[in-house]
Amino acid sequence: MSYNLFLDDMRDPKDCRYYLGDESEYDIGQWVTVRSFDDFKNALETKGIPKLISFDYDLKSNKDGLDCATFLYDFCKEHNAEVPQYLVHSAWPGIKSKFYEILN
């Protein structure tokens, strides 16, 4: 099953089109939305590695988006898979570079 994974505490993928401007990636494919680290982990373990992930920093849990990025990196390494394409839609200034440090 090919799917896209959207990680955010309150927004939905369609919101990013308006929030970020013309981001047509948010109009493509099926999106599964998760709101917490545990939901993110469960999605990877049950659905497999998605085609595309869009990360937010804030989540509805005691862990944040960077924790999810670290889990994703380790999960891909454990399964001999490439890190999927990803976007960072967080409004936190400078946070994108932290995601890139973990995932690249």
Protein backbone atom coordinates (compact mmCIF):
# COMPACT_ATOMS: atom_id res chain seq x y z
CA MET A 1 0.00 0.00 0.00
CA SER A 2 1.47 3.30 -1.06
CA TYR A 3 0.52 6.16 1.20
CA ASN A 4 1.66 9.54 2.49
CA LEU A 5 2.05 10.19 6.22
CA PHE A 6 1.16 13.55 7.75
CA LEU A 7 2.40 14.26 11.28
CA ASP A 8 0.81 17.23 13.05
CA ASP A 9 -0.95 17.94 16.34
CA MET A 10 -3.87 19.84 14.79
CA ARG A 11 -3.59 20.58 11.06
CA ASP A 12 -4.60 18.39 8.14
CA PRO A 13 -2.68 18.04 4.86
CA LYS A 14 -5.04 20.39 3.00
CA ASP A 15 -4.26 23.11 5.57
CA CYS A 16 -0.63 23.15 4.46
CA ARG A 17 -1.64 24.20 0.96
CA TYR A 18 -2.96 27.43 2.44
CA TYR A 19 -0.40 27.69 5.21
CA LEU A 20 2.66 27.25 3.00
CA GLY A 21 1.33 28.55 -0.30
CA ASP A 22 1.24 26.49 -3.47
CA GLU A 23 2.36 23.12 -2.13
CA SER A 24 0.85 20.70 -4.62
CA GLU A 25 2.41 17.72 -2.79
CA TYR A 26 -0.44 18.00 -0.32
CA ASP A 27 -2.95 17.32 -3.11
CA ILE A 28 -1.31 14.09 -4.29
CA GLY A 29 -2.05 10.59 -3.03
CA GLN A 30 -3.72 9.23 0.05
CA TRP A 31 -2.68 10.87 3.34
CA VAL A 32 -2.76 9.14 6.69
CA THR A 33 -2.78 11.73 9.49
CA VAL A 34 -1.16 11.00 12.85
CA ARG A 35 -1.08 13.28 15.88
CA SER A 36 1.42 11.66 18.26
CA PHE A 37 4.70 9.74 18.38
CA ASP A 38 2.87 6.50 19.21
CA ASP A 39 0.52 6.93 16.23
CA PHE A 40 3.51 7.67 13.98
CA LYS A 41 5.33 4.56 15.19
CA ASN A 42 2.20 2.43 14.78
CA ALA A 43 1.66 3.67 11.21
CA LEU A 44 5.19 2.67 10.21
CA GLU A 45 4.93 -0.71 11.90
CA THR A 46 1.53 -1.60 10.44
CA LYS A 47 1.50 0.15 7.04
CA GLY A 48 5.21 0.14 6.25
CA ILE A 49 7.38 3.00 5.08
CA PRO A 50 5.33 5.69 3.32
CA LYS A 51 6.08 7.28 -0.02
CA LEU A 52 6.13 10.79 1.50
CA ILE A 53 6.08 12.17 5.07
CA SER A 54 5.27 15.71 6.14
CA PHE A 55 6.60 16.59 9.61
CA ASP A 56 5.48 19.09 12.21
CA TYR A 57 7.48 19.70 15.38
CA ASP A 58 4.62 19.95 17.93
CA LEU A 59 2.63 16.80 18.67
CA LYS A 60 -0.06 15.59 21.05
CA SER A 61 2.41 13.59 23.12
CA ASN A 62 5.46 13.99 25.31
CA LYS A 63 7.65 13.41 22.23
CA ASP A 64 8.00 15.75 19.25
CA GLY A 65 8.49 15.56 15.51
CA LEU A 66 12.26 15.24 15.90
CA ASP A 67 11.70 12.09 17.95
CA CYS A 68 9.60 10.76 15.08
CA ALA A 69 12.33 11.64 12.57
CA THR A 70 14.86 9.74 14.69
CA PHE A 71 12.51 6.75 14.92
CA LEU A 72 12.01 6.85 11.13
CA TYR A 73 15.75 6.94 10.48
CA ASP A 74 16.36 3.96 12.79
CA PHE A 75 13.34 2.08 11.37
CA CYS A 76 14.62 2.52 7.80
CA LYS A 77 18.13 1.45 8.79
CA GLU A 78 16.77 -1.63 10.57
CA HIS A 79 14.75 -2.59 7.47
CA ASN A 80 17.54 -1.79 4.98
CA ALA A 81 15.35 0.86 3.38
CA GLU A 82 15.93 4.39 2.19
CA VAL A 83 14.46 7.28 4.15
CA PRO A 84 11.38 8.32 2.15
CA GLN A 85 10.86 11.74 0.63
CA TYR A 86 9.85 14.20 3.33
CA LEU A 87 8.64 17.73 3.92
CA VAL A 88 8.78 19.85 7.06
CA HIS A 89 5.75 22.09 7.51
CA SER A 90 6.52 23.28 11.05
CA ALA A 91 6.22 27.01 11.82
CA TRP A 92 9.14 26.84 14.29
CA PRO A 93 11.99 28.99 12.93
CA GLY A 94 15.13 27.03 12.17
CA ILE A 95 13.61 23.63 12.95
CA LYS A 96 13.84 22.34 9.37
CA SER A 97 17.62 22.11 9.62
CA LYS A 98 17.28 19.84 12.66
CA PHE A 99 15.06 17.44 10.67
CA TYR A 100 17.59 17.48 7.82
CA GLU A 101 20.43 16.68 10.24
CA ILE A 102 18.58 13.59 11.46
CA LEU A 103 17.29 12.31 8.13
CA ASN A 104 20.11 13.07 5.70
